Each structure stands twice: as structure tokens, then as C-alpha cells.
Amino acid sequence: MTETTSQAPHRAVPRGTPHVICRADELPPGTRKIVEIDGTSIGVLNVDGRFHALRNQCPHHGAPLCQGAVRGTMADTAPHEYSYGQHNEWIACPWHGFEFRLETGRPLLSTERARVRVYPVVVDDGDVVLYV
């Protein structure tokens, strides 16, 4: 899921059916839009100028995942040392705090098998285009 200004001839077109969500300037950094396509709720988020699209349902208990906070994580450090990292790479479920990587939908905790479906999203000629 990368942001492009147009589909360059050497880039592969994402798989799936394209859906124009909105103009890119209608979804500035730090905002999100929830859309329903074929009965599936999908959140499209602009995080620091990068667009991400995820299924808007936490696999834990079905919460509206894309309403959760986008944040980073704490890195493994020695006791009493704290190091914040991976800024704005994770989304946290608003109900129970389960965290998923925006880029892949994989959970933060490797013990969790559930993951969230992610969808390709690009900016093409100023339009945010989601592929489902």
C-alpha cells in the first residue's frame, strides 16, 4: 500500500476492483474515512501522507477497528529504560487495545493468530482509489 501520484507504466496495477473513495485533498494526514463496499466496512486512513486500508472489524470481538488510535510501540529495553519506536505504524482496537500493523494487518503479539485484512490503496490523478 503505497501512495502514488499516478499509475506509472512500470508499476503493477493492484489486484481487485478499483473504487474511488474521494479526492486525496479531502483526506488529509491524520484523517480517516470509513466506507462500505459489498457489505464490508473498510477504513481508509491517511497516516503522515501514506494511505492504508483495513477491514474495519477487529478479529477479537468485532469492534470497529479503524476508529482506534494510530500509534507506535515501546521497544524492548533493559528494565527501567523506555524507548518509543515504530511511530504511527500500528492501529489499536478501541475496545480492548489489540494492536495491528497498518501495513500488513498482522498483530503486535506474535502469539495472536488473527490478523486484519488489508487492501491496496493508491492515489491516482488526485483520487484515493481502493482495490477490493
C-alpha atoms as a PDB file:
ATOM      1  CA  MET A   1       0.000   0.000   0.000  1.00  0.00           C
ATOM      2  CA  THR A   2       1.845   2.983  -1.242  1.00  0.00           C
ATOM      3  CA  GLU A   3       0.922   6.462  -2.263  1.00  0.00           C
ATOM      4  CA  THR A   4       1.499   7.343  -5.883  1.00  0.00           C
ATOM      5  CA  THR A   5       0.562  10.395  -7.856  1.00  0.00           C
ATOM      6  CA  SER A   6      -0.361   8.316 -10.885  1.00  0.00           C
ATOM      7  CA  GLN A   7      -0.140   4.797 -12.169  1.00  0.00           C
ATOM      8  CA  ALA A   8       3.289   4.775 -13.800  1.00  0.00           C
ATOM      9  CA  PRO A   9       3.684   2.372 -16.742  1.00  0.00           C
ATOM     10  CA  HIS A  10       6.302   0.294 -14.910  1.00  0.00           C
ATOM     11  CA  ARG A  11       4.178  -0.178 -11.771  1.00  0.00           C
ATOM     12  CA  ALA A  12       1.871  -3.122 -11.436  1.00  0.00           C
ATOM     13  CA  VAL A  13      -1.790  -2.206 -11.082  1.00  0.00           C
ATOM     14  CA  PRO A  14      -3.108  -3.527  -7.754  1.00  0.00           C
ATOM     15  CA  ARG A  15      -5.366  -6.564  -7.941  1.00  0.00           C
ATOM     16  CA  GLY A  16      -9.059  -6.211  -7.293  1.00  0.00           C
ATOM     17  CA  THR A  17     -11.862  -3.925  -8.331  1.00  0.00           C
ATOM     18  CA  PRO A  18     -10.994  -0.217  -8.048  1.00  0.00           C
ATOM     19  CA  HIS A  19     -13.269   2.053  -6.007  1.00  0.00           C
ATOM     20  CA  VAL A  20     -12.692   5.804  -5.941  1.00  0.00           C
ATOM     21  CA  ILE A  21     -13.128   6.813  -2.303  1.00  0.00           C
ATOM     22  CA  CYS A  22     -12.597  10.575  -2.509  1.00  0.00           C
ATOM     23  CA  ARG A  23     -10.153  13.210  -3.661  1.00  0.00           C
ATOM     24  CA  ALA A  24      -6.818  12.981  -1.836  1.00  0.00           C
ATOM     25  CA  ASP A  25      -7.150  16.551  -0.538  1.00  0.00           C
ATOM     26  CA  GLU A  26     -10.419  15.516   1.174  1.00  0.00           C
ATOM     27  CA  LEU A  27      -8.458  13.012   3.301  1.00  0.00           C
ATOM     28  CA  PRO A  28      -5.516  14.993   4.738  1.00  0.00           C
ATOM     29  CA  PRO A  29      -2.875  13.426   7.024  1.00  0.00           C
ATOM     30  CA  GLY A  30      -4.339  12.338  10.347  1.00  0.00           C
ATOM     31  CA  THR A  31      -7.815  11.654   8.984  1.00  0.00           C
ATOM     32  CA  ARG A  32      -9.728   8.525   8.067  1.00  0.00           C
ATOM     33  CA  LYS A  33     -12.830   7.597   6.155  1.00  0.00           C
ATOM     34  CA  ILE A  34     -14.989   4.524   6.704  1.00  0.00           C
ATOM     35  CA  VAL A  35     -16.656   3.133   3.586  1.00  0.00           C
ATOM     36  CA  GLU A  36     -18.835   0.115   2.909  1.00  0.00           C
ATOM     37  CA  ILE A  37     -18.138  -1.924  -0.208  1.00  0.00           C
ATOM     38  CA  ASP A  38     -20.171  -5.038  -0.992  1.00  0.00           C
ATOM     39  CA  GLY A  39     -21.297  -5.266   2.644  1.00  0.00           C
ATOM     40  CA  THR A  40     -17.778  -4.946   4.085  1.00  0.00           C
ATOM     41  CA  SER A  41     -16.780  -1.980   6.223  1.00  0.00           C
ATOM     42  CA  ILE A  42     -13.294  -0.722   5.309  1.00  0.00           C
ATOM     43  CA  GLY A  43     -11.325   2.100   6.878  1.00  0.00           C
ATOM     44  CA  VAL A  44      -9.064   4.232   4.693  1.00  0.00           C
ATOM     45  CA  LEU A  45      -6.508   6.159   6.740  1.00  0.00           C
ATOM     46  CA  ASN A  46      -4.021   8.849   5.796  1.00  0.00           C
ATOM     47  CA  VAL A  47      -1.122   8.456   8.206  1.00  0.00           C
ATOM     48  CA  ASP A  48       1.629  11.009   7.665  1.00  0.00           C
ATOM     49  CA  GLY A  49       0.785  11.202   3.957  1.00  0.00           C
ATOM     50  CA  ARG A  50       0.717   7.398   3.478  1.00  0.00           C
ATOM     51  CA  PHE A  51      -2.619   5.767   2.752  1.00  0.00           C
ATOM     52  CA  HIS A  52      -3.671   2.491   4.374  1.00  0.00           C
ATOM     53  CA  ALA A  53      -6.884   0.496   4.061  1.00  0.00           C
ATOM     54  CA  LEU A  54      -8.009  -2.166   6.537  1.00  0.00           C
ATOM     55  CA  ARG A  55     -11.134  -4.117   7.246  1.00  0.00           C
ATOM     56  CA  ASN A  56     -12.993  -2.178   9.907  1.00  0.00           C
ATOM     57  CA  GLN A  57     -13.516  -5.154  12.200  1.00  0.00           C
ATOM     58  CA  CYS A  58     -11.223  -6.339  14.964  1.00  0.00           C
ATOM     59  CA  PRO A  59     -10.867 -10.142  14.816  1.00  0.00           C
ATOM     60  CA  HIS A  60     -11.001 -10.335  18.628  1.00  0.00           C
ATOM     61  CA  HIS A  61     -14.619  -9.236  19.243  1.00  0.00           C
ATOM     62  CA  GLY A  62     -15.691  -7.383  16.105  1.00  0.00           C
ATOM     63  CA  ALA A  63     -15.022  -3.820  17.272  1.00  0.00           C
ATOM     64  CA  PRO A  64     -14.848  -1.007  14.679  1.00  0.00           C
ATOM     65  CA  LEU A  65     -11.048  -1.260  14.458  1.00  0.00           C
ATOM     66  CA  CYS A  66     -10.486   1.763  12.235  1.00  0.00           C
ATOM     67  CA  GLN A  67     -11.903   4.060  14.921  1.00  0.00           C
ATOM     68  CA  GLY A  68      -8.930   3.153  17.126  1.00  0.00           C
ATOM     69  CA  ALA A  69      -5.803   5.178  17.781  1.00  0.00           C
ATOM     70  CA  VAL A  70      -2.865   5.074  15.387  1.00  0.00           C
ATOM     71  CA  ARG A  71       0.344   4.894  17.376  1.00  0.00           C
ATOM     72  CA  GLY A  72       3.790   3.417  17.784  1.00  0.00           C
ATOM     73  CA  THR A  73       5.135   0.877  20.233  1.00  0.00           C
ATOM     74  CA  MET A  74       7.600   0.600  23.054  1.00  0.00           C
ATOM     75  CA  ALA A  75      10.821  -1.175  22.092  1.00  0.00           C
ATOM     76  CA  ASP A  76      12.412  -3.995  24.078  1.00  0.00           C
ATOM     77  CA  THR A  77      14.811  -2.343  26.501  1.00  0.00           C
ATOM     78  CA  ALA A  78      16.546  -3.001  29.784  1.00  0.00           C
ATOM     79  CA  PRO A  79      14.487  -2.643  32.973  1.00  0.00           C
ATOM     80  CA  HIS A  80      13.581   0.984  33.752  1.00  0.00           C
ATOM     81  CA  GLU A  81      14.600   2.121  30.261  1.00  0.00           C
ATOM     82  CA  TYR A  82      11.879   3.180  27.869  1.00  0.00           C
ATOM     83  CA  SER A  83      12.208   3.642  24.137  1.00  0.00           C
ATOM     84  CA  TYR A  84       9.319   4.560  21.858  1.00  0.00           C
ATOM     85  CA  GLY A  85       9.513   3.400  18.228  1.00  0.00           C
ATOM     86  CA  GLN A  86       7.639   2.467  15.076  1.00  0.00           C
ATOM     87  CA  HIS A  87       5.761   5.766  15.222  1.00  0.00           C
ATOM     88  CA  ASN A  88       2.303   5.619  13.547  1.00  0.00           C
ATOM     89  CA  GLU A  89       2.773   2.066  12.248  1.00  0.00           C
ATOM     90  CA  TRP A  90       0.088   0.407  14.417  1.00  0.00           C
ATOM     91  CA  ILE A  91      -3.645   0.751  14.993  1.00  0.00           C
ATOM     92  CA  ALA A  92      -5.178  -0.177  18.349  1.00  0.00           C
ATOM     93  CA  CYS A  93      -8.651  -1.633  18.742  1.00  0.00           C
ATOM     94  CA  PRO A  94     -10.849   0.912  20.539  1.00  0.00           C
ATOM     95  CA  TRP A  95     -12.449  -1.785  22.717  1.00  0.00           C
ATOM     96  CA  HIS A  96      -9.617  -3.952  24.060  1.00  0.00           C
ATOM     97  CA  GLY A  97      -6.415  -2.393  22.739  1.00  0.00           C
ATOM     98  CA  PHE A  98      -5.303  -5.209  20.446  1.00  0.00           C
ATOM     99  CA  GLU A  99      -2.757  -3.716  18.030  1.00  0.00           C
ATOM    100  CA  PHE A 100      -2.284  -4.453  14.331  1.00  0.00           C
ATOM    101  CA  ARG A 101       0.365  -3.247  11.881  1.00  0.00           C
ATOM    102  CA  LEU A 102      -1.207  -0.867   9.362  1.00  0.00           C
ATOM    103  CA  GLU A 103       0.959  -2.145   6.512  1.00  0.00           C
ATOM    104  CA  THR A 104       0.274  -5.876   6.932  1.00  0.00           C
ATOM    105  CA  GLY A 105      -2.658  -6.341   9.330  1.00  0.00           C
ATOM    106  CA  ARG A 106      -0.537  -8.625  11.491  1.00  0.00           C
ATOM    107  CA  PRO A 107      -0.982  -8.392  15.267  1.00  0.00           C
ATOM    108  CA  LEU A 108       1.661  -6.914  17.550  1.00  0.00           C
ATOM    109  CA  LEU A 109       1.769 -10.026  19.713  1.00  0.00           C
ATOM    110  CA  SER A 110       3.167 -12.949  17.758  1.00  0.00           C
ATOM    111  CA  THR A 111       1.069 -15.320  19.879  1.00  0.00           C
ATOM    112  CA  GLU A 112      -2.081 -13.979  18.225  1.00  0.00           C
ATOM    113  CA  ARG A 113      -3.105 -15.845  15.063  1.00  0.00           C
ATOM    114  CA  ALA A 114      -5.815 -13.442  13.997  1.00  0.00           C
ATOM    115  CA  ARG A 115      -4.929 -10.686  11.589  1.00  0.00           C
ATOM    116  CA  VAL A 116      -6.816  -7.917   9.869  1.00  0.00           C
ATOM    117  CA  ARG A 117      -7.297  -7.859   6.126  1.00  0.00           C
ATOM    118  CA  VAL A 118      -5.522  -5.010   4.380  1.00  0.00           C
ATOM    119  CA  TYR A 119      -6.361  -3.659   0.942  1.00  0.00           C
ATOM    120  CA  PRO A 120      -4.257  -1.882  -1.676  1.00  0.00           C
ATOM    121  CA  VAL A 121      -4.933   1.838  -1.846  1.00  0.00           C
ATOM    122  CA  VAL A 122      -3.234   4.367  -4.120  1.00  0.00           C
ATOM    123  CA  VAL A 123      -3.578   7.967  -5.151  1.00  0.00           C
ATOM    124  CA  ASP A 124      -4.218   8.126  -8.881  1.00  0.00           C
ATOM    125  CA  ASP A 125      -4.630  11.509 -10.576  1.00  0.00           C
ATOM    126  CA  GLY A 126      -5.628  13.033  -7.229  1.00  0.00           C
ATOM    127  CA  ASP A 127      -8.191  10.350  -6.371  1.00  0.00           C
ATOM    128  CA  VAL A 128      -7.836   7.917  -3.470  1.00  0.00           C
ATOM    129  CA  VAL A 129      -8.502   4.544  -5.088  1.00  0.00           C
ATOM    130  CA  LEU A 130      -9.185   1.422  -3.010  1.00  0.00           C
ATOM    131  CA  TYR A 131      -8.855  -2.034  -4.592  1.00  0.00           C
ATOM    132  CA  VAL A 132     -11.183  -4.728  -3.222  1.00  0.00           C
END
